[in-house]
Amino acid sequence: MIDQLIVGSSTAMQNVKRLIATVAVSDAPVMVLGETGTGKELVAEAVHRASGRNGALIAVNCAAIPTELLESELFGHEKGAFTGADRQRIGLIEQASEGTLFLDEIGDMPLALQSKLLRVLETQRVQRVGSSIAQKVDFRLVTATHRDLETRVADGSFRADLYFRIAVFPLVLPSLADRSVDIPAIIGRMITDRMIQSPALDAPHFDASALRALSAHSWPGNVRELRNVLSRAFVLFPGRMVTARHVRDNLLSMSMPDDDDTNVPEAPKPAELGLPDASQFHDAFGKTGDLDMRGYLRDIEVALIEAALDLRDGCVTQAAEALRLRRTTLIEKMKKYGIRRGALV
């Protein structure tokens, strides 16, 4: 279950997965620490799924909700509690009862709400805005932040008592640069997920040089940045092989790729592959002095396509790469010539 959510076999990620499996079965609050884009929300989901709790996972980004709305979102309110409260609202904390409450970017929570949250954690009861009745709640708490909460405690912007209440089990996520060995697996999972959502898309293919170039990048945006790079590859190189040059020039720097002819290494000349040299075609005209060039070129094209498919075990994508064609171009030629072989992958 954890491996399905969190991709990576690096030593750092294997350690993270072991920690998740260990703490998930308890009720201890978990604090996920790490840089922005490292996948803290996936860790929260993994903890929730492995916990066996029957309720839902309720996720709240404390930095994304305006301060004046956050209290109502978290604690709920009664009808008429304030101007615009035309109906009762069940807060997200109540909705997380029997499940897991994930408070992302808790370091940005206002001090006044920190006090109210601490009271909920201590009493296991939540009181809606405008109500005198406290509702019983039972939820697992997972928090996350990219901020240094100890520094914020020291400068008074984060309550020390709340910090010690939520930092029972800190779990630190490594940056993507610190686990670059996982990049091929992460890209593979992202492509699989994208193709499940949109089967009609042509997926890009990354050769070994491209993967090396990606691994050498510093990734300040971590996995979120890698996802953006892959999205660009789907747009710029659908069904095509991506090389290190493409990574550097087009995916990381966002410039348009060149035409196909200038974007790939020079193919071997026909004579180097044992094919007839141009000078030998004089004999092809024979005694009649003419030649069905279209038919001759068609037969050659069909033979080359069939040979490429044979050598690539029927894989259209790999055959297209061997012929220096776009995958979609090869598929059109196969349809044109009635070549009904090969897996369209």
C-alpha atoms as a PDB file:
ATOM      1  CA  MET A   1       0.000   0.000   0.000  1.00  0.00           C
ATOM      2  CA  ILE A   2       2.733   2.458   0.968  1.00  0.00           C
ATOM      3  CA  ASP A   3       4.830   1.509  -2.088  1.00  0.00           C
ATOM      4  CA  GLN A   4       1.838   2.189  -4.338  1.00  0.00           C
ATOM      5  CA  LEU A   5       1.588   5.758  -3.062  1.00  0.00           C
ATOM      6  CA  ILE A   6       5.225   6.664  -2.520  1.00  0.00           C
ATOM      7  CA  VAL A   7       7.644   5.836  -5.340  1.00  0.00           C
ATOM      8  CA  GLY A   8      11.319   5.323  -4.668  1.00  0.00           C
ATOM      9  CA  SER A   9      13.790   2.645  -3.616  1.00  0.00           C
ATOM     10  CA  SER A  10      16.600   4.933  -2.459  1.00  0.00           C
ATOM     11  CA  THR A  11      17.928   4.400   1.045  1.00  0.00           C
ATOM     12  CA  ALA A  12      16.325   7.649   2.224  1.00  0.00           C
ATOM     13  CA  MET A  13      12.869   6.733   0.916  1.00  0.00           C
ATOM     14  CA  GLN A  14      13.050   3.177   2.184  1.00  0.00           C
ATOM     15  CA  ASN A  15      13.692   4.625   5.629  1.00  0.00           C
ATOM     16  CA  VAL A  16      10.707   6.978   5.256  1.00  0.00           C
ATOM     17  CA  LYS A  17       8.454   4.080   4.270  1.00  0.00           C
ATOM     18  CA  ARG A  18       9.553   2.028   7.268  1.00  0.00           C
ATOM     19  CA  LEU A  19       8.814   4.935   9.595  1.00  0.00           C
ATOM     20  CA  ILE A  20       5.357   5.399   8.064  1.00  0.00           C
ATOM     21  CA  ALA A  21       4.536   1.715   8.528  1.00  0.00           C
ATOM     22  CA  THR A  22       5.711   1.858  12.139  1.00  0.00           C
ATOM     23  CA  VAL A  23       3.816   4.959  13.228  1.00  0.00           C
ATOM     24  CA  ALA A  24       0.639   4.464  11.179  1.00  0.00           C
ATOM     25  CA  VAL A  25      -0.827   1.817  13.479  1.00  0.00           C
ATOM     26  CA  SER A  26      -0.561   4.124  16.505  1.00  0.00           C
ATOM     27  CA  ASP A  27      -2.487   7.301  17.320  1.00  0.00           C
ATOM     28  CA  ALA A  28       0.645   9.439  17.703  1.00  0.00           C
ATOM     29  CA  PRO A  29       0.518  12.804  15.898  1.00  0.00           C
ATOM     30  CA  VAL A  30       2.865  12.877  12.910  1.00  0.00           C
ATOM     31  CA  MET A  31       4.674  15.990  11.709  1.00  0.00           C
ATOM     32  CA  VAL A  32       5.978  15.767   8.145  1.00  0.00           C
ATOM     33  CA  LEU A  33       8.927  18.049   7.471  1.00  0.00           C
ATOM     34  CA  GLY A  34      10.645  18.839   4.205  1.00  0.00           C
ATOM     35  CA  GLU A  35      11.070  21.280   1.356  1.00  0.00           C
ATOM     36  CA  THR A  36       8.134  22.429  -0.735  1.00  0.00           C
ATOM     37  CA  GLY A  37       7.184  19.857  -3.359  1.00  0.00           C
ATOM     38  CA  THR A  38       8.709  16.801  -1.676  1.00  0.00           C
ATOM     39  CA  GLY A  39       5.360  15.002  -1.394  1.00  0.00           C
ATOM     40  CA  LYS A  40       4.217  15.655   2.152  1.00  0.00           C
ATOM     41  CA  GLU A  41       0.559  15.187   1.194  1.00  0.00           C
ATOM     42  CA  LEU A  42       1.342  11.675  -0.105  1.00  0.00           C
ATOM     43  CA  VAL A  43       2.912  10.799   3.228  1.00  0.00           C
ATOM     44  CA  ALA A  44      -0.252  11.985   5.001  1.00  0.00           C
ATOM     45  CA  GLU A  45      -2.341   9.791   2.716  1.00  0.00           C
ATOM     46  CA  ALA A  46      -0.042   6.817   3.306  1.00  0.00           C
ATOM     47  CA  VAL A  47      -0.278   7.254   7.083  1.00  0.00           C
ATOM     48  CA  HIS A  48      -4.068   7.452   6.840  1.00  0.00           C
ATOM     49  CA  ARG A  49      -4.459   4.372   4.640  1.00  0.00           C
ATOM     50  CA  ALA A  50      -2.105   2.296   6.754  1.00  0.00           C
ATOM     51  CA  SER A  51      -3.814   3.372   9.993  1.00  0.00           C
ATOM     52  CA  GLY A  52      -6.944   1.325   9.368  1.00  0.00           C
ATOM     53  CA  ARG A  53      -9.222   4.205  10.363  1.00  0.00           C
ATOM     54  CA  ASN A  54     -12.728   4.085   8.902  1.00  0.00           C
ATOM     55  CA  GLY A  55     -13.220   7.827   8.455  1.00  0.00           C
ATOM     56  CA  ALA A  56     -12.024  10.122   5.697  1.00  0.00           C
ATOM     57  CA  LEU A  57      -8.745  11.917   5.195  1.00  0.00           C
ATOM     58  CA  ILE A  58      -9.524  15.634   5.445  1.00  0.00           C
ATOM     59  CA  ALA A  59      -6.750  17.860   4.105  1.00  0.00           C
ATOM     60  CA  VAL A  60      -6.482  21.571   4.884  1.00  0.00           C
ATOM     61  CA  ASN A  61      -3.822  23.942   3.564  1.00  0.00           C
ATOM     62  CA  CYS A  62      -3.555  26.523   6.316  1.00  0.00           C
ATOM     63  CA  ALA A  63      -1.619  28.907   4.059  1.00  0.00           C
ATOM     64  CA  ALA A  64      -4.163  28.805   1.225  1.00  0.00           C
ATOM     65  CA  ILE A  65      -7.259  29.843   3.199  1.00  0.00           C
ATOM     66  CA  PRO A  66      -7.644  33.516   4.197  1.00  0.00           C
ATOM     67  CA  THR A  67      -7.263  34.088   7.949  1.00  0.00           C
ATOM     68  CA  GLU A  68     -10.806  35.410   8.330  1.00  0.00           C
ATOM     69  CA  LEU A  69     -12.221  32.207   6.788  1.00  0.00           C
ATOM     70  CA  LEU A  70      -9.922  29.602   8.302  1.00  0.00           C
ATOM     71  CA  GLU A  71     -11.679  29.485  11.679  1.00  0.00           C
ATOM     72  CA  SER A  72     -15.061  28.787  10.084  1.00  0.00           C
ATOM     73  CA  GLU A  73     -13.525  26.197   7.747  1.00  0.00           C
ATOM     74  CA  LEU A  74     -11.860  24.312  10.586  1.00  0.00           C
ATOM     75  CA  PHE A  75     -14.384  24.616  13.403  1.00  0.00           C
ATOM     76  CA  GLY A  76     -17.628  25.164  11.521  1.00  0.00           C
ATOM     77  CA  HIS A  77     -20.365  27.612  12.529  1.00  0.00           C
ATOM     78  CA  GLU A  78     -24.021  27.826  13.434  1.00  0.00           C
ATOM     79  CA  LYS A  79     -26.603  29.666  11.389  1.00  0.00           C
ATOM     80  CA  GLY A  80     -26.520  33.365  12.224  1.00  0.00           C
ATOM     81  CA  ALA A  81     -23.145  33.178  13.962  1.00  0.00           C
ATOM     82  CA  PHE A  82     -21.923  36.089  11.854  1.00  0.00           C
ATOM     83  CA  THR A  83     -22.962  38.135   8.848  1.00  0.00           C
ATOM     84  CA  GLY A  84     -23.390  35.811   5.895  1.00  0.00           C
ATOM     85  CA  ALA A  85     -23.785  32.636   7.994  1.00  0.00           C
ATOM     86  CA  ASP A  86     -27.177  31.749   6.506  1.00  0.00           C
ATOM     87  CA  ARG A  87     -26.921  28.067   7.390  1.00  0.00           C
ATOM     88  CA  GLN A  88     -25.117  25.707   9.720  1.00  0.00           C
ATOM     89  CA  ARG A  89     -21.706  24.487   8.584  1.00  0.00           C
ATOM     90  CA  ILE A  90     -19.911  21.373   9.833  1.00  0.00           C
ATOM     91  CA  GLY A  91     -16.217  22.188  10.186  1.00  0.00           C
ATOM     92  CA  LEU A  92     -13.384  20.170   8.693  1.00  0.00           C
ATOM     93  CA  ILE A  93     -12.252  18.995  12.124  1.00  0.00           C
ATOM     94  CA  GLU A  94     -15.660  17.371  12.706  1.00  0.00           C
ATOM     95  CA  GLN A  95     -15.588  15.900   9.205  1.00  0.00           C
ATOM     96  CA  ALA A  96     -12.279  14.214  10.062  1.00  0.00           C
ATOM     97  CA  SER A  97     -13.765  12.375  13.062  1.00  0.00           C
ATOM     98  CA  GLU A  98     -12.984   8.630  12.868  1.00  0.00           C
ATOM     99  CA  GLY A  99     -10.465   9.511  10.185  1.00  0.00           C
ATOM    100  CA  THR A 100      -7.379  11.685   9.734  1.00  0.00           C
ATOM    101  CA  LEU A 101      -6.993  15.472   9.785  1.00  0.00           C
ATOM    102  CA  PHE A 102      -4.076  16.678   7.678  1.00  0.00           C
ATOM    103  CA  LEU A 103      -3.069  20.279   8.414  1.00  0.00           C
ATOM    104  CA  ASP A 104      -0.621  21.282   5.707  1.00  0.00           C
ATOM    105  CA  GLU A 105       1.569  24.353   6.285  1.00  0.00           C
ATOM    106  CA  ILE A 106       0.524  24.513   9.916  1.00  0.00           C
ATOM    107  CA  GLY A 107       3.374  26.961  10.500  1.00  0.00           C
ATOM    108  CA  ASP A 108       1.200  29.601   8.808  1.00  0.00           C
ATOM    109  CA  MET A 109      -1.749  29.148  11.175  1.00  0.00           C
ATOM    110  CA  PRO A 110      -2.625  32.377  13.070  1.00  0.00           C
ATOM    111  CA  LEU A 111      -1.861  32.408  16.801  1.00  0.00           C
ATOM    112  CA  ALA A 112      -5.537  32.766  17.776  1.00  0.00           C
ATOM    113  CA  LEU A 113      -6.436  29.569  15.923  1.00  0.00           C
ATOM    114  CA  GLN A 114      -3.384  27.775  17.305  1.00  0.00           C
ATOM    115  CA  SER A 115      -4.889  28.238  20.761  1.00  0.00           C
ATOM    116  CA  LYS A 116      -8.260  26.856  19.666  1.00  0.00           C
ATOM    117  CA  LEU A 117      -6.625  23.884  17.941  1.00  0.00           C
ATOM    118  CA  LEU A 118      -4.609  23.090  21.069  1.00  0.00           C
ATOM    119  CA  ARG A 119      -7.845  23.007  23.079  1.00  0.00           C
ATOM    120  CA  VAL A 120      -9.400  20.577  20.588  1.00  0.00           C
ATOM    121  CA  LEU A 121      -6.398  18.279  20.836  1.00  0.00           C
ATOM    122  CA  GLU A 122      -6.450  18.338  24.637  1.00  0.00           C
ATOM    123  CA  THR A 123     -10.205  17.883  25.125  1.00  0.00           C
ATOM    124  CA  GLN A 124     -11.062  15.945  21.923  1.00  0.00           C
ATOM    125  CA  ARG A 125     -14.016  18.263  21.507  1.00  0.00           C
ATOM    126  CA  VAL A 126     -14.707  21.004  18.965  1.00  0.00           C
ATOM    127  CA  GLN A 127     -17.059  23.938  19.367  1.00  0.00           C
ATOM    128  CA  ARG A 128     -18.565  25.564  16.293  1.00  0.00           C
ATOM    129  CA  VAL A 129     -18.496  29.323  15.977  1.00  0.00           C
ATOM    130  CA  GLY A 130     -21.699  30.667  17.531  1.00  0.00           C
ATOM    131  CA  SER A 131     -22.458  27.478  19.490  1.00  0.00           C
ATOM    132  CA  SER A 132     -22.257  26.730  23.200  1.00  0.00           C
ATOM    133  CA  ILE A 133     -22.132  22.959  22.662  1.00  0.00           C
ATOM    134  CA  ALA A 134     -18.863  21.091  22.143  1.00  0.00           C
ATOM    135  CA  GLN A 135     -18.940  18.131  19.771  1.00  0.00           C
ATOM    136  CA  LYS A 136     -16.929  14.980  20.527  1.00  0.00           C
ATOM    137  CA  VAL A 137     -14.300  14.217  17.873  1.00  0.00           C
ATOM    138  CA  ASP A 138     -11.800  11.396  17.386  1.00  0.00           C
ATOM    139  CA  PHE A 139      -9.262  11.967  14.634  1.00  0.00           C
ATOM    140  CA  ARG A 140      -5.662  11.177  13.804  1.00  0.00           C
ATOM    141  CA  LEU A 141      -3.595  14.334  13.336  1.00  0.00           C
ATOM    142  CA  VAL A 142      -0.943  14.695  10.649  1.00  0.00           C
ATOM    143  CA  THR A 143       0.691  18.085  10.149  1.00  0.00           C
ATOM    144  CA  ALA A 144       3.217  19.337   7.632  1.00  0.00           C
ATOM    145  CA  THR A 145       5.348  22.417   7.152  1.00  0.00           C
ATOM    146  CA  HIS A 146       8.413  23.576   5.276  1.00  0.00           C
ATOM    147  CA  ARG A 147       9.099  26.192   7.958  1.00  0.00           C
ATOM    148  CA  ASP A 148      11.452  25.884  10.923  1.00  0.00           C
ATOM    149  CA  LEU A 149       8.877  25.698  13.716  1.00  0.00           C
ATOM    150  CA  GLU A 150      11.495  25.767  16.452  1.00  0.00           C
ATOM    151  CA  THR A 151      12.599  29.178  15.190  1.00  0.00           C
ATOM    152  CA  ARG A 152       8.984  30.336  15.044  1.00  0.00           C
ATOM    153  CA  VAL A 153       8.468  29.131  18.618  1.00  0.00           C
ATOM    154  CA  ALA A 154      11.524  31.117  19.663  1.00  0.00           C
ATOM    155  CA  ASP A 155      10.264  34.325  18.028  1.00  0.00           C
ATOM    156  CA  GLY A 156       6.774  33.868  19.444  1.00  0.00           C
ATOM    157  CA  SER A 157       4.897  33.309  16.184  1.00  0.00           C
ATOM    158  CA  PHE A 158       4.092  29.685  17.017  1.00  0.00           C
ATOM    159  CA  ARG A 159       2.876  28.391  20.383  1.00  0.00           C
ATOM    160  CA  ALA A 160       5.403  26.195  22.171  1.00  0.00           C
ATOM    161  CA  ASP A 161       2.696  24.076  23.813  1.00  0.00           C
ATOM    162  CA  LEU A 162       1.070  23.336  20.461  1.00  0.00           C
ATOM    163  CA  TYR A 163       4.438  22.558  18.911  1.00  0.00           C
ATOM    164  CA  PHE A 164       5.232  19.929  21.526  1.00  0.00           C
ATOM    165  CA  ARG A 165       1.699  18.535  21.151  1.00  0.00           C
ATOM    166  CA  ILE A 166       1.983  17.958  17.395  1.00  0.00           C
ATOM    167  CA  ALA A 167       5.705  17.127  17.026  1.00  0.00           C
ATOM    168  CA  VAL A 168       5.445  13.719  18.689  1.00  0.00           C
ATOM    169  CA  PHE A 169       6.680  11.828  15.641  1.00  0.00           C
ATOM    170  CA  PRO A 170       8.623  14.048  13.199  1.00  0.00           C
ATOM    171  CA  LEU A 171       9.202  12.542   9.764  1.00  0.00           C
ATOM    172  CA  VAL A 172      11.699  14.310   7.493  1.00  0.00           C
ATOM    173  CA  LEU A 173      11.371  13.929   3.709  1.00  0.00           C
ATOM    174  CA  PRO A 174      14.546  14.142   1.603  1.00  0.00           C
ATOM    175  CA  SER A 175      14.747  16.557  -1.296  1.00  0.00           C
ATOM    176  CA  LEU A 176      14.570  15.120  -4.805  1.00  0.00           C
ATOM    177  CA  ALA A 177      18.208  16.096  -5.366  1.00  0.00           C
ATOM    178  CA  ASP A 178      19.151  13.889  -2.403  1.00  0.00           C
ATOM    179  CA  ARG A 179      17.387  10.893  -3.933  1.00  0.00           C
ATOM    180  CA  SER A 180      17.985  11.428  -7.643  1.00  0.00           C
ATOM    181  CA  VAL A 181      18.335   7.659  -8.087  1.00  0.00           C
ATOM    182  CA  ASP A 182      14.535   7.525  -7.764  1.00  0.00           C
ATOM    183  CA  ILE A 183      13.900   9.852 -10.741  1.00  0.00           C
ATOM    184  CA  PRO A 184      13.467   7.104 -13.402  1.00  0.00           C
ATOM    185  CA  ALA A 185      10.908   5.291 -11.236  1.00  0.00           C
ATOM    186  CA  ILE A 186       9.064   8.518 -10.433  1.00  0.00           C
ATOM    187  CA  ILE A 187       8.867   9.463 -14.119  1.00  0.00           C
ATOM    188  CA  GLY A 188       7.649   5.974 -14.967  1.00  0.00           C
ATOM    189  CA  ARG A 189       4.861   6.209 -12.398  1.00  0.00           C
ATOM    190  CA  MET A 190       3.877   9.702 -13.547  1.00  0.00           C
ATOM    191  CA  ILE A 191       3.681   8.567 -17.180  1.00  0.00           C
ATOM    192  CA  THR A 192       1.610   5.520 -16.225  1.00  0.00           C
ATOM    193  CA  ASP A 193      -0.815   7.662 -14.215  1.00  0.00           C
ATOM    194  CA  ARG A 194      -1.091  10.190 -17.048  1.00  0.00           C
ATOM    195  CA  MET A 195      -1.793   7.479 -19.640  1.00  0.00           C
ATOM    196  CA  ILE A 196      -4.470   5.926 -17.420  1.00  0.00           C
ATOM    197  CA  GLN A 197      -6.195   9.299 -17.225  1.00  0.00           C
ATOM    198  CA  SER A 198      -5.742  10.098 -20.932  1.00  0.00           C
ATOM    199  CA  PRO A 199      -5.093   6.903 -22.962  1.00  0.00           C
ATOM    200  CA  ALA A 200      -5.081   8.809 -26.270  1.00  0.00           C
ATOM    201  CA  LEU A 201      -1.931  10.742 -25.359  1.00  0.00           C
ATOM    202  CA  ASP A 202       1.441   9.891 -26.910  1.00  0.00           C
ATOM    203  CA  ALA A 203       3.914   9.496 -24.074  1.00  0.00           C
ATOM    204  CA  PRO A 204       7.475  10.801 -24.406  1.00  0.00           C
ATOM    205  CA  HIS A 205      10.343   8.375 -23.881  1.00  0.00           C
ATOM    206  CA  PHE A 206      13.485   9.287 -21.952  1.00  0.00           C
ATOM    207  CA  ASP A 207      16.767   7.720 -23.031  1.00  0.00           C
ATOM    208  CA  ALA A 208      19.665   7.063 -20.654  1.00  0.00           C
ATOM    209  CA  SER A 209      21.308  10.412 -21.383  1.00  0.00           C
ATOM    210  CA  ALA A 210      18.075  12.250 -20.569  1.00  0.00           C
ATOM    211  CA  LEU A 211      17.741  10.439 -17.268  1.00  0.00           C
ATOM    212  CA  ARG A 212      21.338  11.331 -16.401  1.00  0.00           C
ATOM    213  CA  ALA A 213      20.645  14.983 -17.214  1.00  0.00           C
ATOM    214  CA  LEU A 214      17.539  14.960 -15.025  1.00  0.00           C
ATOM    215  CA  SER A 215      19.483  13.368 -12.179  1.00  0.00           C
ATOM    216  CA  ALA A 216      22.120  16.099 -12.393  1.00  0.00           C
ATOM    217  CA  HIS A 217      19.555  18.903 -11.996  1.00  0.00           C
ATOM    218  CA  SER A 218      19.282  20.595  -8.579  1.00  0.00           C
ATOM    219  CA  TRP A 219      15.435  20.400  -8.436  1.00  0.00           C
ATOM    220  CA  PRO A 220      14.610  23.393  -6.209  1.00  0.00           C
ATOM    221  CA  GLY A 221      10.912  22.581  -6.715  1.00  0.00           C
ATOM    222  CA  ASN A 222      11.446  18.878  -5.991  1.00  0.00           C
ATOM    223  CA  VAL A 223       8.876  16.335  -7.250  1.00  0.00           C
ATOM    224  CA  ARG A 224       6.408  19.101  -8.118  1.00  0.00           C
ATOM    225  CA  GLU A 225       9.007  20.615 -10.474  1.00  0.00           C
ATOM    226  CA  LEU A 226       9.689  17.201 -12.015  1.00  0.00           C
ATOM    227  CA  ARG A 227       5.960  16.813 -12.695  1.00  0.00           C
ATOM    228  CA  ASN A 228       5.983  20.155 -14.511  1.00  0.00           C
ATOM    229  CA  VAL A 229       8.976  19.088 -16.612  1.00  0.00           C
ATOM    230  CA  LEU A 230       7.169  15.886 -17.594  1.00  0.00           C
ATOM    231  CA  SER A 231       4.077  17.878 -18.575  1.00  0.00           C
ATOM    232  CA  ARG A 232       6.270  19.937 -20.920  1.00  0.00           C
ATOM    233  CA  ALA A 233       7.676  16.732 -22.406  1.00  0.00           C
ATOM    234  CA  PHE A 234       4.147  15.508 -23.192  1.00  0.00           C
ATOM    235  CA  VAL A 235       3.507  18.744 -25.076  1.00  0.00           C
ATOM    236  CA  LEU A 236       6.863  19.127 -26.869  1.00  0.00           C
ATOM    237  CA  PHE A 237       7.838  15.487 -27.505  1.00  0.00           C
ATOM    238  CA  PRO A 238       4.684  13.353 -27.821  1.00  0.00           C
ATOM    239  CA  GLY A 239       5.650   9.808 -28.768  1.00  0.00           C
ATOM    240  CA  ARG A 240       9.290  10.843 -29.244  1.00  0.00           C
ATOM    241  CA  MET A 241      12.582   9.987 -27.634  1.00  0.00           C
ATOM    242  CA  VAL A 242      13.847  12.664 -25.234  1.00  0.00           C
ATOM    243  CA  THR A 243      17.617  13.088 -24.998  1.00  0.00           C
ATOM    244  CA  ALA A 244      19.904  15.004 -22.660  1.00  0.00           C
ATOM    245  CA  ARG A 245      19.951  17.872 -25.139  1.00  0.00           C
ATOM    246  CA  HIS A 246      16.159  18.081 -25.029  1.00  0.00           C
ATOM    247  CA  VAL A 247      16.219  18.088 -21.232  1.00  0.00           C
ATOM    248  CA  ARG A 248      18.738  20.924 -21.069  1.00  0.00           C
ATOM    249  CA  ASP A 249      17.505  23.040 -23.982  1.00  0.00           C
ATOM    250  CA  ASN A 250      13.760  22.475 -24.024  1.00  0.00           C
ATOM    251  CA  LEU A 251      12.456  21.035 -20.752  1.00  0.00           C
ATOM    252  CA  LEU A 252      14.522  22.856 -18.138  1.00  0.00           C
ATOM    253  CA  SER A 253      15.052  26.095 -20.064  1.00  0.00           C
ATOM    254  CA  MET A 254      11.671  26.089 -21.878  1.00  0.00           C
ATOM    255  CA  SER A 255      12.772  26.842 -25.431  1.00  0.00           C
ATOM    256  CA  MET A 256      11.047  25.317 -28.436  1.00  0.00           C
ATOM    257  CA  PRO A 257      12.715  22.207 -29.892  1.00  0.00           C
ATOM    258  CA  ASP A 258      14.236  22.224 -33.366  1.00  0.00           C
ATOM    259  CA  ASP A 259      12.746  20.330 -36.272  1.00  0.00           C
ATOM    260  CA  ASP A 260      13.153  16.553 -36.210  1.00  0.00           C
ATOM    261  CA  ASP A 261      16.016  16.586 -38.708  1.00  0.00           C
ATOM    262  CA  THR A 262      18.226  18.762 -36.471  1.00  0.00           C
ATOM    263  CA  ASN A 263      17.099  17.282 -33.212  1.00  0.00           C
ATOM    264  CA  VAL A 264      18.503  13.777 -33.633  1.00  0.00           C
ATOM    265  CA  PRO A 265      21.978  12.438 -34.306  1.00  0.00           C
ATOM    266  CA  GLU A 266      22.860  11.977 -37.975  1.00  0.00           C
ATOM    267  CA  ALA A 267      21.729   8.584 -39.224  1.00  0.00           C
ATOM    268  CA  PRO A 268      24.241   6.255 -40.889  1.00  0.00           C
ATOM    269  CA  LYS A 269      24.470   6.573 -44.679  1.00  0.00           C
ATOM    270  CA  PRO A 270      22.773   3.796 -46.709  1.00  0.00           C
ATOM    271  CA  ALA A 271      26.105   2.406 -47.935  1.00  0.00           C
ATOM    272  CA  GLU A 272      27.252   2.007 -44.320  1.00  0.00           C
ATOM    273  CA  LEU A 273      24.241  -0.228 -43.702  1.00  0.00           C
ATOM    274  CA  GLY A 274      24.869  -2.417 -46.753  1.00  0.00           C
ATOM    275  CA  LEU A 275      22.171  -0.747 -48.862  1.00  0.00           C
ATOM    276  CA  PRO A 276      22.779   0.077 -52.550  1.00  0.00           C
ATOM    277  CA  ASP A 277      24.756   3.210 -53.284  1.00  0.00           C
ATOM    278  CA  ALA A 278      23.037   5.808 -55.457  1.00  0.00           C
ATOM    279  CA  SER A 279      25.454   5.132 -58.330  1.00  0.00           C
ATOM    280  CA  GLN A 280      24.259   1.524 -58.573  1.00  0.00           C
ATOM    281  CA  PHE A 281      20.734   2.525 -59.591  1.00  0.00           C
ATOM    282  CA  HIS A 282      21.786   3.001 -63.207  1.00  0.00           C
ATOM    283  CA  ASP A 283      21.315  -0.729 -63.693  1.00  0.00           C
ATOM    284  CA  ALA A 284      17.833  -0.596 -62.174  1.00  0.00           C
ATOM    285  CA  PHE A 285      16.379   0.947 -65.361  1.00  0.00           C
ATOM    286  CA  GLY A 286      17.207  -2.165 -67.343  1.00  0.00           C
ATOM    287  CA  LYS A 287      16.611  -2.507 -71.028  1.00  0.00           C
ATOM    288  CA  THR A 288      13.329  -0.575 -71.052  1.00  0.00           C
ATOM    289  CA  GLY A 289      14.974   2.562 -69.816  1.00  0.00           C
ATOM    290  CA  ASP A 290      12.266   3.352 -67.287  1.00  0.00           C
ATOM    291  CA  LEU A 291      11.279   2.440 -63.715  1.00  0.00           C
ATOM    292  CA  ASP A 292       8.151   2.568 -61.527  1.00  0.00           C
ATOM    293  CA  MET A 293       9.797   4.782 -58.919  1.00  0.00           C
ATOM    294  CA  ARG A 294       6.711   5.147 -56.724  1.00  0.00           C
ATOM    295  CA  GLY A 295       6.176   1.420 -56.565  1.00  0.00           C
ATOM    296  CA  TYR A 296       9.873   0.780 -55.994  1.00  0.00           C
ATOM    297  CA  LEU A 297      10.071   3.302 -53.119  1.00  0.00           C
ATOM    298  CA  ARG A 298       6.840   1.911 -51.671  1.00  0.00           C
ATOM    299  CA  ASP A 299       8.269  -1.603 -51.630  1.00  0.00           C
ATOM    300  CA  ILE A 300      11.456  -0.349 -49.978  1.00  0.00           C
ATOM    301  CA  GLU A 301       9.469   1.587 -47.356  1.00  0.00           C
ATOM    302  CA  VAL A 302       7.281  -1.424 -46.565  1.00  0.00           C
ATOM    303  CA  ALA A 303      10.339  -3.670 -46.285  1.00  0.00           C
ATOM    304  CA  LEU A 304      12.108  -1.246 -43.941  1.00  0.00           C
ATOM    305  CA  ILE A 305       9.029  -0.831 -41.718  1.00  0.00           C
ATOM    306  CA  GLU A 306       8.537  -4.591 -41.480  1.00  0.00           C
ATOM    307  CA  ALA A 307      12.221  -5.115 -40.730  1.00  0.00           C
ATOM    308  CA  ALA A 308      12.163  -2.473 -37.978  1.00  0.00           C
ATOM    309  CA  LEU A 309       9.072  -4.078 -36.436  1.00  0.00           C
ATOM    310  CA  ASP A 310      10.703  -7.506 -36.569  1.00  0.00           C
ATOM    311  CA  LEU A 311      13.863  -6.246 -34.899  1.00  0.00           C
ATOM    312  CA  ARG A 312      11.866  -4.438 -32.170  1.00  0.00           C
ATOM    313  CA  ASP A 313       9.518  -7.361 -31.423  1.00  0.00           C
ATOM    314  CA  GLY A 314       6.545  -5.553 -32.924  1.00  0.00           C
ATOM    315  CA  CYS A 315       6.851  -2.453 -30.727  1.00  0.00           C
ATOM    316  CA  VAL A 316       5.742   0.487 -32.856  1.00  0.00           C
ATOM    317  CA  THR A 317       7.346   3.093 -30.591  1.00  0.00           C
ATOM    318  CA  GLN A 318      10.767   1.448 -30.754  1.00  0.00           C
ATOM    319  CA  ALA A 319      10.448   0.769 -34.492  1.00  0.00           C
ATOM    320  CA  ALA A 320       9.660   4.461 -35.056  1.00  0.00           C
ATOM    321  CA  GLU A 321      12.775   5.426 -33.108  1.00  0.00           C
ATOM    322  CA  ALA A 322      14.884   3.031 -35.224  1.00  0.00           C
ATOM    323  CA  LEU A 323      13.496   4.590 -38.427  1.00  0.00           C
ATOM    324  CA  ARG A 324      13.894   8.157 -37.104  1.00  0.00           C
ATOM    325  CA  LEU A 325      10.160   8.765 -37.475  1.00  0.00           C
ATOM    326  CA  ARG A 326       7.489  10.094 -35.172  1.00  0.00           C
ATOM    327  CA  ARG A 327       5.387   7.299 -33.730  1.00  0.00           C
ATOM    328  CA  THR A 328       2.237   8.817 -35.203  1.00  0.00           C
ATOM    329  CA  THR A 329       3.910   9.057 -38.627  1.00  0.00           C
ATOM    330  CA  LEU A 330       4.819   5.377 -38.545  1.00  0.00           C
ATOM    331  CA  ILE A 331       1.292   4.427 -37.527  1.00  0.00           C
ATOM    332  CA  GLU A 332      -0.105   6.379 -40.497  1.00  0.00           C
ATOM    333  CA  LYS A 333       2.312   4.630 -42.869  1.00  0.00           C
ATOM    334  CA  MET A 334       1.332   1.239 -41.458  1.00  0.00           C
ATOM    335  CA  LYS A 335      -2.316   2.071 -42.060  1.00  0.00           C
ATOM    336  CA  LYS A 336      -1.526   3.319 -45.572  1.00  0.00           C
ATOM    337  CA  TYR A 337       0.315   0.123 -46.521  1.00  0.00           C
ATOM    338  CA  GLY A 338      -1.980  -2.240 -44.632  1.00  0.00           C
ATOM    339  CA  ILE A 339       0.719  -3.397 -42.228  1.00  0.00           C
ATOM    340  CA  ARG A 340      -1.320  -4.887 -39.385  1.00  0.00           C
ATOM    341  CA  ARG A 341       1.378  -6.089 -37.100  1.00  0.00           C
ATOM    342  CA  GLY A 342       3.073  -4.777 -34.025  1.00  0.00           C
ATOM    343  CA  ALA A 343       1.707  -3.531 -30.739  1.00  0.00           C
ATOM    344  CA  LEU A 344       0.734   0.138 -30.818  1.00  0.00           C
ATOM    345  CA  VAL A 345       2.797   0.985 -27.734  1.00  0.00           C
END
